[in-house]
Amino acid sequence: MCVLGHTDTSLIPGVSSAGITEELRAFTPAADAEVVKLGAALCLPMLPSNPLGAPGPSGITRAAVCLAGIDARFVGAGLRVWPATECLRVSAEPGANIELGCAVPGARQLFETGLTLGHQVQAEYLVLAESVPGGTTTALAVLLALGYAAEGRISGSMPGNAHALKSRVARTALEAARLGVGCDPLLAVTRVGDPMQPLATGIAIGAAQAGCDVLLAGGSQMLAVAALIQALDASLDRVAIGTTRWVVEDPAADVAGLAVEISTDLPVMAANLDFSGSRHPGLRQYEQFLVKEGVGAGGASIAALLSGQTLLALHERIDVTYDELLGRLTSV
């Protein structure tokens, strides 16, 4: 299950590279869902890509779920562009720029809706993903609001992770929000978060309460969700983080260290993907810490590997999937 969301924070120049331009950034979550479900981005003329040319991670997710026969579902929490595929519409209100100090007025309702959705999950395992451009900046702001020393430790979609800019935005947001130390976690989301965070938090708690093990599929953004679960005094016993090797090895971040600070009982797993031998130059850029993660790419890959697929088969399927997505069809 992937939660799609938009935050106007992503429109701040330099904050996100999830999309070729700021103007097209709002299309990225919808395009991600279309790629995973339909094999093509219908709302864009091309695959969502990093401005430097690396293709977005939705093809990794598509390859993993198709290879392992995993059911993929999408939930929309405040999109400016909706996908042309099945997507449960939970909220039509996008997140505002967190610098204004009031980003998600409906955060509590989104959390309650998430609880209901989580209780309805009928599966032994849930891989819970996100697609929210600019979400690492809102994750940083929420982690800071909850008391974590997260500056300079958040990963992102570009080398170096634009720490100075993200810290400035987060600090401006916290000052505008006037949040006190140890504030109510949902108030923190209301003021400086994004719509995905309360919905995903509710889904994870509800699913775990219903007896389902939950893999939070993502890097820094899912650390914020885990921190919210912890701050709401809910159990993390059935919860783990699942991401990619590029996130945990990111030399300009410390996702694993932050996870330990959230809870020493919060496992972090990483799919050992390696694109250095890919036939696609754009995918080889992942090895330079471009893109790294998104749309549950790491979690979906972990699920595929745990289902019995081999890493070699997954790598081959990913290359074939990008052959199709990038318009270079090859025989298998």
C-alpha atoms as a PDB file:
ATOM      1  CA  MET A   1       0.000   0.000   0.000  1.00  0.00           C
ATOM      2  CA  CYS A   2       1.459   3.330  -1.079  1.00  0.00           C
ATOM      3  CA  VAL A   3       0.274   6.668   0.306  1.00  0.00           C
ATOM      4  CA  LEU A   4       0.463   9.434  -2.297  1.00  0.00           C
ATOM      5  CA  GLY A   5       0.648  13.014  -1.103  1.00  0.00           C
ATOM      6  CA  HIS A   6       1.548  16.532  -2.111  1.00  0.00           C
ATOM      7  CA  THR A   7       3.130  19.273  -0.044  1.00  0.00           C
ATOM      8  CA  ASP A   8       3.726  22.777  -1.364  1.00  0.00           C
ATOM      9  CA  THR A   9       7.027  22.584   0.489  1.00  0.00           C
ATOM     10  CA  SER A  10       8.259  20.647  -2.561  1.00  0.00           C
ATOM     11  CA  LEU A  11       7.860  23.807  -4.660  1.00  0.00           C
ATOM     12  CA  ILE A  12      10.607  25.611  -2.745  1.00  0.00           C
ATOM     13  CA  PRO A  13      13.501  25.720  -5.254  1.00  0.00           C
ATOM     14  CA  GLY A  14      16.163  23.165  -4.394  1.00  0.00           C
ATOM     15  CA  VAL A  15      14.208  21.247  -1.763  1.00  0.00           C
ATOM     16  CA  SER A  16      13.277  18.292  -3.967  1.00  0.00           C
ATOM     17  CA  SER A  17      14.540  16.651  -7.135  1.00  0.00           C
ATOM     18  CA  ALA A  18      11.588  14.265  -7.434  1.00  0.00           C
ATOM     19  CA  GLY A  19      10.674  15.512 -10.880  1.00  0.00           C
ATOM     20  CA  ILE A  20      12.485  17.306 -13.665  1.00  0.00           C
ATOM     21  CA  THR A  21      11.136  20.765 -12.715  1.00  0.00           C
ATOM     22  CA  GLU A  22       9.196  22.401  -9.870  1.00  0.00           C
ATOM     23  CA  GLU A  23       6.274  22.838 -12.296  1.00  0.00           C
ATOM     24  CA  LEU A  24       6.047  19.089 -12.927  1.00  0.00           C
ATOM     25  CA  ARG A  25       6.699  18.036  -9.331  1.00  0.00           C
ATOM     26  CA  ALA A  26       2.997  17.841  -8.442  1.00  0.00           C
ATOM     27  CA  PHE A  27       2.569  15.184 -11.152  1.00  0.00           C
ATOM     28  CA  THR A  28       5.155  12.816  -9.622  1.00  0.00           C
ATOM     29  CA  PRO A  29       2.947  10.891  -7.129  1.00  0.00           C
ATOM     30  CA  ALA A  30       0.238  10.300  -9.747  1.00  0.00           C
ATOM     31  CA  ALA A  31       2.810   9.246 -12.329  1.00  0.00           C
ATOM     32  CA  ASP A  32       4.428   6.886  -9.803  1.00  0.00           C
ATOM     33  CA  ALA A  33       1.110   5.100  -9.243  1.00  0.00           C
ATOM     34  CA  GLU A  34       0.478   4.859 -12.980  1.00  0.00           C
ATOM     35  CA  VAL A  35       3.908   3.363 -13.609  1.00  0.00           C
ATOM     36  CA  VAL A  36       3.542   0.744 -10.877  1.00  0.00           C
ATOM     37  CA  LYS A  37       0.005  -0.279 -11.858  1.00  0.00           C
ATOM     38  CA  LEU A  38      -0.125   0.396 -15.613  1.00  0.00           C
ATOM     39  CA  GLY A  39       3.489   0.297 -16.770  1.00  0.00           C
ATOM     40  CA  ALA A  40       3.460   3.878 -18.062  1.00  0.00           C
ATOM     41  CA  ALA A  41       3.099   7.417 -16.748  1.00  0.00           C
ATOM     42  CA  LEU A  42      -0.112   8.669 -18.347  1.00  0.00           C
ATOM     43  CA  CYS A  43      -0.203  12.117 -16.737  1.00  0.00           C
ATOM     44  CA  LEU A  44       3.317  12.951 -17.941  1.00  0.00           C
ATOM     45  CA  PRO A  45       4.961  12.576 -21.342  1.00  0.00           C
ATOM     46  CA  MET A  46       7.865  10.714 -19.733  1.00  0.00           C
ATOM     47  CA  LEU A  47       8.897   8.721 -16.677  1.00  0.00           C
ATOM     48  CA  PRO A  48       9.336  10.912 -13.551  1.00  0.00           C
ATOM     49  CA  SER A  49      13.054  11.613 -13.357  1.00  0.00           C
ATOM     50  CA  ASN A  50      15.689  13.473 -11.390  1.00  0.00           C
ATOM     51  CA  PRO A  51      16.726  16.781 -13.022  1.00  0.00           C
ATOM     52  CA  LEU A  52      20.164  15.228 -13.597  1.00  0.00           C
ATOM     53  CA  GLY A  53      18.621  12.448 -15.659  1.00  0.00           C
ATOM     54  CA  ALA A  54      18.331   9.493 -13.281  1.00  0.00           C
ATOM     55  CA  PRO A  55      14.901   7.850 -13.760  1.00  0.00           C
ATOM     56  CA  GLY A  56      12.576   7.725 -10.776  1.00  0.00           C
ATOM     57  CA  PRO A  57      12.292   4.602  -8.612  1.00  0.00           C
ATOM     58  CA  SER A  58       8.746   3.622  -9.603  1.00  0.00           C
ATOM     59  CA  GLY A  59      10.163   1.134 -12.111  1.00  0.00           C
ATOM     60  CA  ILE A  60      11.991  -0.660  -9.303  1.00  0.00           C
ATOM     61  CA  THR A  61       8.743  -1.004  -7.406  1.00  0.00           C
ATOM     62  CA  ARG A  62       6.895  -2.209 -10.491  1.00  0.00           C
ATOM     63  CA  ALA A  63       9.582  -4.797 -11.200  1.00  0.00           C
ATOM     64  CA  ALA A  64       9.516  -6.108  -7.622  1.00  0.00           C
ATOM     65  CA  VAL A  65       5.740  -6.381  -7.238  1.00  0.00           C
ATOM     66  CA  CYS A  66       5.301  -7.941 -10.675  1.00  0.00           C
ATOM     67  CA  LEU A  67       8.123 -10.430 -10.129  1.00  0.00           C
ATOM     68  CA  ALA A  68       6.769 -11.576  -6.767  1.00  0.00           C
ATOM     69  CA  GLY A  69       3.044 -11.217  -7.486  1.00  0.00           C
ATOM     70  CA  ILE A  70       2.519  -8.614  -4.750  1.00  0.00           C
ATOM     71  CA  ASP A  71      -0.776  -6.715  -4.706  1.00  0.00           C
ATOM     72  CA  ALA A  72      -0.150  -2.957  -4.993  1.00  0.00           C
ATOM     73  CA  ARG A  73      -2.757  -0.463  -3.770  1.00  0.00           C
ATOM     74  CA  PHE A  74      -2.677   3.333  -3.678  1.00  0.00           C
ATOM     75  CA  VAL A  75      -4.209   5.818  -1.277  1.00  0.00           C
ATOM     76  CA  GLY A  76      -4.305   9.550  -2.016  1.00  0.00           C
ATOM     77  CA  ALA A  77      -3.866  12.114   0.739  1.00  0.00           C
ATOM     78  CA  GLY A  78      -4.057  15.584  -0.717  1.00  0.00           C
ATOM     79  CA  LEU A  79      -2.923  15.479  -4.344  1.00  0.00           C
ATOM     80  CA  ARG A  80      -2.903  18.260  -6.899  1.00  0.00           C
ATOM     81  CA  VAL A  81      -2.909  15.660  -9.696  1.00  0.00           C
ATOM     82  CA  TRP A  82      -4.718  12.335  -9.331  1.00  0.00           C
ATOM     83  CA  PRO A  83      -3.548   9.159 -11.093  1.00  0.00           C
ATOM     84  CA  ALA A  84      -5.433   7.549 -13.950  1.00  0.00           C
ATOM     85  CA  THR A  85      -5.560   4.278 -12.055  1.00  0.00           C
ATOM     86  CA  GLU A  86      -7.348   2.942  -9.001  1.00  0.00           C
ATOM     87  CA  CYS A  87      -6.594   5.123  -5.982  1.00  0.00           C
ATOM     88  CA  LEU A  88      -8.584   5.531  -2.779  1.00  0.00           C
ATOM     89  CA  ARG A  89      -9.221   9.265  -2.307  1.00  0.00           C
ATOM     90  CA  VAL A  90      -8.902   9.991   1.392  1.00  0.00           C
ATOM     91  CA  SER A  91      -8.335  13.745   1.223  1.00  0.00           C
ATOM     92  CA  ALA A  92      -8.353  16.355  -1.515  1.00  0.00           C
ATOM     93  CA  GLU A  93      -6.430  18.969   0.503  1.00  0.00           C
ATOM     94  CA  PRO A  94      -2.698  19.158  -0.340  1.00  0.00           C
ATOM     95  CA  GLY A  95      -0.197  20.074   2.329  1.00  0.00           C
ATOM     96  CA  ALA A  96       0.801  23.731   2.540  1.00  0.00           C
ATOM     97  CA  ASN A  97       4.329  25.116   2.630  1.00  0.00           C
ATOM     98  CA  ILE A  98       5.546  24.345   6.156  1.00  0.00           C
ATOM     99  CA  GLU A  99       7.253  27.743   6.349  1.00  0.00           C
ATOM    100  CA  LEU A 100       3.771  29.161   6.986  1.00  0.00           C
ATOM    101  CA  GLY A 101       3.425  27.138  10.201  1.00  0.00           C
ATOM    102  CA  CYS A 102       0.095  25.486   9.371  1.00  0.00           C
ATOM    103  CA  ALA A 103       0.692  22.703   6.865  1.00  0.00           C
ATOM    104  CA  VAL A 104      -1.937  19.986   7.448  1.00  0.00           C
ATOM    105  CA  PRO A 105      -5.076  21.309   9.217  1.00  0.00           C
ATOM    106  CA  GLY A 106      -6.801  17.929   8.821  1.00  0.00           C
ATOM    107  CA  ALA A 107      -3.982  15.862  10.337  1.00  0.00           C
ATOM    108  CA  ARG A 108      -6.084  14.376  13.142  1.00  0.00           C
ATOM    109  CA  GLN A 109      -8.812  13.269  10.748  1.00  0.00           C
ATOM    110  CA  LEU A 110      -6.213  11.755   8.431  1.00  0.00           C
ATOM    111  CA  PHE A 111      -4.784   9.812  11.382  1.00  0.00           C
ATOM    112  CA  GLU A 112      -8.221   8.487  12.352  1.00  0.00           C
ATOM    113  CA  THR A 113      -8.929   7.500   8.761  1.00  0.00           C
ATOM    114  CA  GLY A 114      -5.589   5.726   8.648  1.00  0.00           C
ATOM    115  CA  LEU A 115      -6.450   3.764  11.787  1.00  0.00           C
ATOM    116  CA  THR A 116      -9.664   2.572  10.138  1.00  0.00           C
ATOM    117  CA  LEU A 117      -7.846   1.598   6.932  1.00  0.00           C
ATOM    118  CA  GLY A 118      -5.162  -0.214   8.919  1.00  0.00           C
ATOM    119  CA  HIS A 119      -7.717  -2.240  10.863  1.00  0.00           C
ATOM    120  CA  GLN A 120      -9.215  -3.320   7.518  1.00  0.00           C
ATOM    121  CA  VAL A 121      -5.965  -4.753   6.136  1.00  0.00           C
ATOM    122  CA  GLN A 122      -6.471  -8.468   5.586  1.00  0.00           C
ATOM    123  CA  ALA A 123      -2.939  -9.711   5.174  1.00  0.00           C
ATOM    124  CA  GLU A 124      -0.173 -11.184   7.267  1.00  0.00           C
ATOM    125  CA  TYR A 125       2.298  -8.561   6.065  1.00  0.00           C
ATOM    126  CA  LEU A 126       1.882  -4.976   4.900  1.00  0.00           C
ATOM    127  CA  VAL A 127       4.531  -3.053   2.972  1.00  0.00           C
ATOM    128  CA  LEU A 128       3.557   0.584   3.567  1.00  0.00           C
ATOM    129  CA  ALA A 129       5.149   3.054   1.150  1.00  0.00           C
ATOM    130  CA  GLU A 130       4.958   6.736   0.216  1.00  0.00           C
ATOM    131  CA  SER A 131       5.354   9.066  -2.716  1.00  0.00           C
ATOM    132  CA  VAL A 132       5.626  12.655  -1.478  1.00  0.00           C
ATOM    133  CA  PRO A 133       8.052  15.048  -3.212  1.00  0.00           C
ATOM    134  CA  GLY A 134       9.646  17.297  -0.622  1.00  0.00           C
ATOM    135  CA  GLY A 135       8.817  14.761   2.070  1.00  0.00           C
ATOM    136  CA  THR A 136      12.325  14.559   3.506  1.00  0.00           C
ATOM    137  CA  THR A 137      12.093  18.244   4.447  1.00  0.00           C
ATOM    138  CA  THR A 138       8.752  17.789   6.198  1.00  0.00           C
ATOM    139  CA  ALA A 139      10.202  14.658   7.831  1.00  0.00           C
ATOM    140  CA  LEU A 140      13.104  16.743   9.154  1.00  0.00           C
ATOM    141  CA  ALA A 141      10.724  19.373  10.559  1.00  0.00           C
ATOM    142  CA  VAL A 142       8.567  16.768  12.320  1.00  0.00           C
ATOM    143  CA  LEU A 143      11.592  14.942  13.744  1.00  0.00           C
ATOM    144  CA  LEU A 144      12.960  18.248  15.080  1.00  0.00           C
ATOM    145  CA  ALA A 145       9.542  19.072  16.581  1.00  0.00           C
ATOM    146  CA  LEU A 146       9.557  15.692  18.330  1.00  0.00           C
ATOM    147  CA  GLY A 147      12.966  16.410  19.852  1.00  0.00           C
ATOM    148  CA  TYR A 148      15.341  14.438  17.601  1.00  0.00           C
ATOM    149  CA  ALA A 149      18.717  15.867  16.564  1.00  0.00           C
ATOM    150  CA  ALA A 150      18.013  15.191  12.897  1.00  0.00           C
ATOM    151  CA  GLU A 151      19.737  18.084  11.137  1.00  0.00           C
ATOM    152  CA  GLY A 152      22.381  16.931   8.689  1.00  0.00           C
ATOM    153  CA  ARG A 153      21.245  13.307   9.048  1.00  0.00           C
ATOM    154  CA  ILE A 154      18.260  13.103   6.691  1.00  0.00           C
ATOM    155  CA  SER A 155      18.714  11.405   3.332  1.00  0.00           C
ATOM    156  CA  GLY A 156      17.151  12.710   0.126  1.00  0.00           C
ATOM    157  CA  SER A 157      16.976  12.432  -3.636  1.00  0.00           C
ATOM    158  CA  MET A 158      20.216  14.243  -4.409  1.00  0.00           C
ATOM    159  CA  PRO A 159      23.896  13.876  -3.428  1.00  0.00           C
ATOM    160  CA  GLY A 160      24.599  15.863  -0.272  1.00  0.00           C
ATOM    161  CA  ASN A 161      20.868  16.065   0.496  1.00  0.00           C
ATOM    162  CA  ALA A 162      20.741  19.907   0.519  1.00  0.00           C
ATOM    163  CA  HIS A 163      21.088  19.938   4.305  1.00  0.00           C
ATOM    164  CA  ALA A 164      21.591  23.688   4.686  1.00  0.00           C
ATOM    165  CA  LEU A 165      18.457  24.528   2.697  1.00  0.00           C
ATOM    166  CA  LYS A 166      16.311  21.889   4.393  1.00  0.00           C
ATOM    167  CA  SER A 167      17.460  22.987   7.834  1.00  0.00           C
ATOM    168  CA  ARG A 168      16.644  26.602   7.016  1.00  0.00           C
ATOM    169  CA  VAL A 169      13.159  25.660   5.811  1.00  0.00           C
ATOM    170  CA  ALA A 170      12.517  23.420   8.820  1.00  0.00           C
ATOM    171  CA  ARG A 171      13.752  26.027  11.307  1.00  0.00           C
ATOM    172  CA  THR A 172      11.611  28.716   9.658  1.00  0.00           C
ATOM    173  CA  ALA A 173       8.622  26.384   9.886  1.00  0.00           C
ATOM    174  CA  LEU A 174       9.203  25.606  13.559  1.00  0.00           C
ATOM    175  CA  GLU A 175       9.526  29.283  14.387  1.00  0.00           C
ATOM    176  CA  ALA A 176       6.283  30.077  12.552  1.00  0.00           C
ATOM    177  CA  ALA A 177       4.504  27.123  14.195  1.00  0.00           C
ATOM    178  CA  ARG A 178       5.509  28.140  17.730  1.00  0.00           C
ATOM    179  CA  LEU A 179       5.726  24.537  18.865  1.00  0.00           C
ATOM    180  CA  GLY A 180       6.928  23.827  22.377  1.00  0.00           C
ATOM    181  CA  VAL A 181       9.268  21.015  23.408  1.00  0.00           C
ATOM    182  CA  GLY A 182       7.389  17.741  23.756  1.00  0.00           C
ATOM    183  CA  CYS A 183       4.362  19.009  21.825  1.00  0.00           C
ATOM    184  CA  ASP A 184       1.483  16.760  20.832  1.00  0.00           C
ATOM    185  CA  PRO A 185       2.758  14.694  17.860  1.00  0.00           C
ATOM    186  CA  LEU A 186      -0.327  15.277  15.714  1.00  0.00           C
ATOM    187  CA  LEU A 187      -0.063  18.998  16.414  1.00  0.00           C
ATOM    188  CA  ALA A 188       3.496  18.826  15.105  1.00  0.00           C
ATOM    189  CA  VAL A 189       2.197  17.276  11.870  1.00  0.00           C
ATOM    190  CA  THR A 190      -0.588  19.833  11.665  1.00  0.00           C
ATOM    191  CA  ARG A 191       1.919  22.668  11.812  1.00  0.00           C
ATOM    192  CA  VAL A 192       5.034  21.379   9.999  1.00  0.00           C
ATOM    193  CA  GLY A 193       4.234  17.992   8.439  1.00  0.00           C
ATOM    194  CA  ASP A 194       2.652  16.651   5.252  1.00  0.00           C
ATOM    195  CA  PRO A 195      -0.607  14.717   4.605  1.00  0.00           C
ATOM    196  CA  MET A 196       1.117  11.360   4.162  1.00  0.00           C
ATOM    197  CA  GLN A 197       2.541  11.335   7.687  1.00  0.00           C
ATOM    198  CA  PRO A 198      -0.657  11.142   9.795  1.00  0.00           C
ATOM    199  CA  LEU A 199      -2.406   8.825   7.336  1.00  0.00           C
ATOM    200  CA  ALA A 200       0.523   6.390   7.146  1.00  0.00           C
ATOM    201  CA  THR A 201       0.968   6.539  10.921  1.00  0.00           C
ATOM    202  CA  GLY A 202      -2.661   5.607  11.421  1.00  0.00           C
ATOM    203  CA  ILE A 203      -2.488   2.803   8.846  1.00  0.00           C
ATOM    204  CA  ALA A 204       0.626   1.338  10.458  1.00  0.00           C
ATOM    205  CA  ILE A 205      -0.820   1.453  13.983  1.00  0.00           C
ATOM    206  CA  GLY A 206      -4.179   0.054  12.862  1.00  0.00           C
ATOM    207  CA  ALA A 207      -2.634  -2.772  10.850  1.00  0.00           C
ATOM    208  CA  ALA A 208      -0.314  -3.722  13.721  1.00  0.00           C
ATOM    209  CA  GLN A 209      -3.239  -3.713  16.160  1.00  0.00           C
ATOM    210  CA  ALA A 210      -5.052  -6.060  13.757  1.00  0.00           C
ATOM    211  CA  GLY A 211      -2.131  -8.516  13.933  1.00  0.00           C
ATOM    212  CA  CYS A 212      -0.348  -7.510  10.732  1.00  0.00           C
ATOM    213  CA  ASP A 213       3.425  -7.020  10.550  1.00  0.00           C
ATOM    214  CA  VAL A 214       4.278  -3.686   8.914  1.00  0.00           C
ATOM    215  CA  LEU A 215       7.328  -2.826   6.831  1.00  0.00           C
ATOM    216  CA  LEU A 216       7.604   0.967   6.546  1.00  0.00           C
ATOM    217  CA  ALA A 217       8.954   1.158   3.008  1.00  0.00           C
ATOM    218  CA  GLY A 218      11.159   4.216   2.726  1.00  0.00           C
ATOM    219  CA  GLY A 219      14.068   6.069   4.256  1.00  0.00           C
ATOM    220  CA  SER A 220      13.898   9.360   6.122  1.00  0.00           C
ATOM    221  CA  GLN A 221      10.197   9.893   5.506  1.00  0.00           C
ATOM    222  CA  MET A 222       9.366   6.614   7.188  1.00  0.00           C
ATOM    223  CA  LEU A 223      11.632   7.501  10.108  1.00  0.00           C
ATOM    224  CA  ALA A 224       9.224  10.387  10.769  1.00  0.00           C
ATOM    225  CA  VAL A 225       6.300   7.941  10.657  1.00  0.00           C
ATOM    226  CA  ALA A 226       8.074   5.605  13.088  1.00  0.00           C
ATOM    227  CA  ALA A 227       8.809   8.557  15.388  1.00  0.00           C
ATOM    228  CA  LEU A 228       5.135   9.542  15.311  1.00  0.00           C
ATOM    229  CA  ILE A 229       4.103   5.988  16.179  1.00  0.00           C
ATOM    230  CA  GLN A 230       6.508   6.066  19.106  1.00  0.00           C
ATOM    231  CA  ALA A 231       5.352   9.536  20.233  1.00  0.00           C
ATOM    232  CA  LEU A 232       1.731   8.382  20.206  1.00  0.00           C
ATOM    233  CA  ASP A 233       2.706   5.599  22.635  1.00  0.00           C
ATOM    234  CA  ALA A 234       1.803   2.925  20.096  1.00  0.00           C
ATOM    235  CA  SER A 235       3.805  -0.273  19.836  1.00  0.00           C
ATOM    236  CA  LEU A 236       6.616  -0.669  17.319  1.00  0.00           C
ATOM    237  CA  ASP A 237       6.833  -4.419  18.018  1.00  0.00           C
ATOM    238  CA  ARG A 238       5.369  -5.323  14.613  1.00  0.00           C
ATOM    239  CA  VAL A 239       7.074  -2.495  12.701  1.00  0.00           C
ATOM    240  CA  ALA A 240      10.364  -2.329  10.759  1.00  0.00           C
ATOM    241  CA  ILE A 241      11.953   0.055   8.272  1.00  0.00           C
ATOM    242  CA  GLY A 242      12.679  -1.275   4.783  1.00  0.00           C
ATOM    243  CA  THR A 243      14.741   0.783   2.361  1.00  0.00           C
ATOM    244  CA  THR A 244      17.589   0.559  -0.142  1.00  0.00           C
ATOM    245  CA  ARG A 245      21.340   0.182   0.240  1.00  0.00           C
ATOM    246  CA  TRP A 246      21.847   3.708  -1.132  1.00  0.00           C
ATOM    247  CA  VAL A 247      19.897   5.180   1.791  1.00  0.00           C
ATOM    248  CA  VAL A 248      21.681   3.306   4.583  1.00  0.00           C
ATOM    249  CA  GLU A 249      25.091   3.858   2.937  1.00  0.00           C
ATOM    250  CA  ASP A 250      24.424   7.520   2.123  1.00  0.00           C
ATOM    251  CA  PRO A 251      27.631   9.291   3.254  1.00  0.00           C
ATOM    252  CA  ALA A 252      25.674  12.507   3.839  1.00  0.00           C
ATOM    253  CA  ALA A 253      22.997  11.014   6.118  1.00  0.00           C
ATOM    254  CA  ASP A 254      22.519   8.811   9.182  1.00  0.00           C
ATOM    255  CA  VAL A 255      19.226   6.992   8.753  1.00  0.00           C
ATOM    256  CA  ALA A 256      20.308   3.919  10.729  1.00  0.00           C
ATOM    257  CA  GLY A 257      21.542   6.043  13.626  1.00  0.00           C
ATOM    258  CA  LEU A 258      18.290   8.012  13.763  1.00  0.00           C
ATOM    259  CA  ALA A 259      16.307   4.768  13.744  1.00  0.00           C
ATOM    260  CA  VAL A 260      18.181   3.585  16.846  1.00  0.00           C
ATOM    261  CA  GLU A 261      17.399   6.880  18.579  1.00  0.00           C
ATOM    262  CA  ILE A 262      13.707   6.464  17.799  1.00  0.00           C
ATOM    263  CA  SER A 263      13.741   2.933  19.220  1.00  0.00           C
ATOM    264  CA  THR A 264      16.453   0.345  19.775  1.00  0.00           C
ATOM    265  CA  ASP A 265      13.788  -2.214  18.831  1.00  0.00           C
ATOM    266  CA  LEU A 266      13.170  -0.713  15.376  1.00  0.00           C
ATOM    267  CA  PRO A 267      14.899  -2.921  12.766  1.00  0.00           C
ATOM    268  CA  VAL A 268      16.251  -1.329   9.596  1.00  0.00           C
ATOM    269  CA  MET A 269      16.569  -3.563   6.529  1.00  0.00           C
ATOM    270  CA  ALA A 270      17.987  -2.595   3.147  1.00  0.00           C
ATOM    271  CA  ALA A 271      17.649  -4.240  -0.245  1.00  0.00           C
ATOM    272  CA  ASN A 272      21.176  -4.806  -1.547  1.00  0.00           C
ATOM    273  CA  LEU A 273      20.470  -3.402  -4.998  1.00  0.00           C
ATOM    274  CA  ASP A 274      23.506  -2.563  -7.136  1.00  0.00           C
ATOM    275  CA  PHE A 275      23.044  -0.814 -10.465  1.00  0.00           C
ATOM    276  CA  SER A 276      26.723  -0.460 -11.342  1.00  0.00           C
ATOM    277  CA  GLY A 277      26.260  -3.145 -13.999  1.00  0.00           C
ATOM    278  CA  SER A 278      22.916  -1.921 -15.333  1.00  0.00           C
ATOM    279  CA  ARG A 279      22.643  -1.301 -19.062  1.00  0.00           C
ATOM    280  CA  HIS A 280      20.814   1.967 -18.278  1.00  0.00           C
ATOM    281  CA  PRO A 281      23.146   4.941 -17.624  1.00  0.00           C
ATOM    282  CA  GLY A 282      20.398   6.614 -15.581  1.00  0.00           C
ATOM    283  CA  LEU A 283      20.162   3.661 -13.218  1.00  0.00           C
ATOM    284  CA  ARG A 284      23.937   3.604 -12.842  1.00  0.00           C
ATOM    285  CA  GLN A 285      23.610   7.123 -11.409  1.00  0.00           C
ATOM    286  CA  TYR A 286      21.964   5.600  -8.336  1.00  0.00           C
ATOM    287  CA  GLU A 287      25.456   4.456  -7.388  1.00  0.00           C
ATOM    288  CA  GLN A 288      26.366   8.165  -7.150  1.00  0.00           C
ATOM    289  CA  PHE A 289      23.565   8.571  -4.561  1.00  0.00           C
ATOM    290  CA  LEU A 290      21.054  10.139  -6.931  1.00  0.00           C
ATOM    291  CA  VAL A 291      17.369   9.306  -6.230  1.00  0.00           C
ATOM    292  CA  LYS A 292      18.130   6.389  -3.824  1.00  0.00           C
ATOM    293  CA  GLU A 293      14.533   5.531  -2.825  1.00  0.00           C
ATOM    294  CA  GLY A 294      10.819   6.259  -3.291  1.00  0.00           C
ATOM    295  CA  VAL A 295       7.441   4.665  -3.974  1.00  0.00           C
ATOM    296  CA  GLY A 296       8.445   1.824  -1.655  1.00  0.00           C
ATOM    297  CA  ALA A 297      11.266   0.688  -3.969  1.00  0.00           C
ATOM    298  CA  GLY A 298      13.364  -0.699  -1.122  1.00  0.00           C
ATOM    299  CA  GLY A 299      10.491  -2.274   0.766  1.00  0.00           C
ATOM    300  CA  ALA A 300       9.000  -3.829  -2.364  1.00  0.00           C
ATOM    301  CA  SER A 301      12.408  -5.252  -3.263  1.00  0.00           C
ATOM    302  CA  ILE A 302      12.826  -6.691   0.234  1.00  0.00           C
ATOM    303  CA  ALA A 303       9.374  -8.277   0.011  1.00  0.00           C
ATOM    304  CA  ALA A 304      10.199  -9.795  -3.374  1.00  0.00           C
ATOM    305  CA  LEU A 305      13.473 -11.235  -2.054  1.00  0.00           C
ATOM    306  CA  LEU A 306      11.802 -12.625   1.077  1.00  0.00           C
ATOM    307  CA  SER A 307       9.149 -14.246  -1.134  1.00  0.00           C
ATOM    308  CA  GLY A 308      11.860 -16.424  -2.659  1.00  0.00           C
ATOM    309  CA  GLN A 309      13.025 -14.361  -5.646  1.00  0.00           C
ATOM    310  CA  THR A 310      16.767 -14.049  -6.159  1.00  0.00           C
ATOM    311  CA  LEU A 311      18.677 -10.779  -6.279  1.00  0.00           C
ATOM    312  CA  LEU A 312      19.863 -11.678  -9.788  1.00  0.00           C
ATOM    313  CA  ALA A 313      16.287 -12.197 -10.982  1.00  0.00           C
ATOM    314  CA  LEU A 314      15.250  -8.887  -9.426  1.00  0.00           C
ATOM    315  CA  HIS A 315      18.111  -6.999 -11.088  1.00  0.00           C
ATOM    316  CA  GLU A 316      17.237  -8.539 -14.450  1.00  0.00           C
ATOM    317  CA  ARG A 317      13.559  -7.690 -14.034  1.00  0.00           C
ATOM    318  CA  ILE A 318      14.423  -4.097 -13.106  1.00  0.00           C
ATOM    319  CA  ASP A 319      16.519  -3.646 -16.263  1.00  0.00           C
ATOM    320  CA  VAL A 320      13.751  -5.113 -18.433  1.00  0.00           C
ATOM    321  CA  THR A 321      11.168  -2.890 -16.743  1.00  0.00           C
ATOM    322  CA  TYR A 322      13.223   0.219 -17.485  1.00  0.00           C
ATOM    323  CA  ASP A 323      13.685  -0.995 -21.072  1.00  0.00           C
ATOM    324  CA  GLU A 324       9.907  -0.766 -21.358  1.00  0.00           C
ATOM    325  CA  LEU A 325       9.481   2.449 -19.373  1.00  0.00           C
ATOM    326  CA  LEU A 326      12.222   4.310 -21.227  1.00  0.00           C
ATOM    327  CA  GLY A 327      11.061   3.126 -24.637  1.00  0.00           C
ATOM    328  CA  ARG A 328      13.922   0.769 -25.348  1.00  0.00           C
ATOM    329  CA  LEU A 329      12.215  -2.597 -25.652  1.00  0.00           C
ATOM    330  CA  THR A 330      14.449  -5.648 -25.565  1.00  0.00           C
ATOM    331  CA  SER A 331      13.784  -9.360 -25.663  1.00  0.00           C
ATOM    332  CA  VAL A 332      13.919 -11.197 -22.333  1.00  0.00           C
END
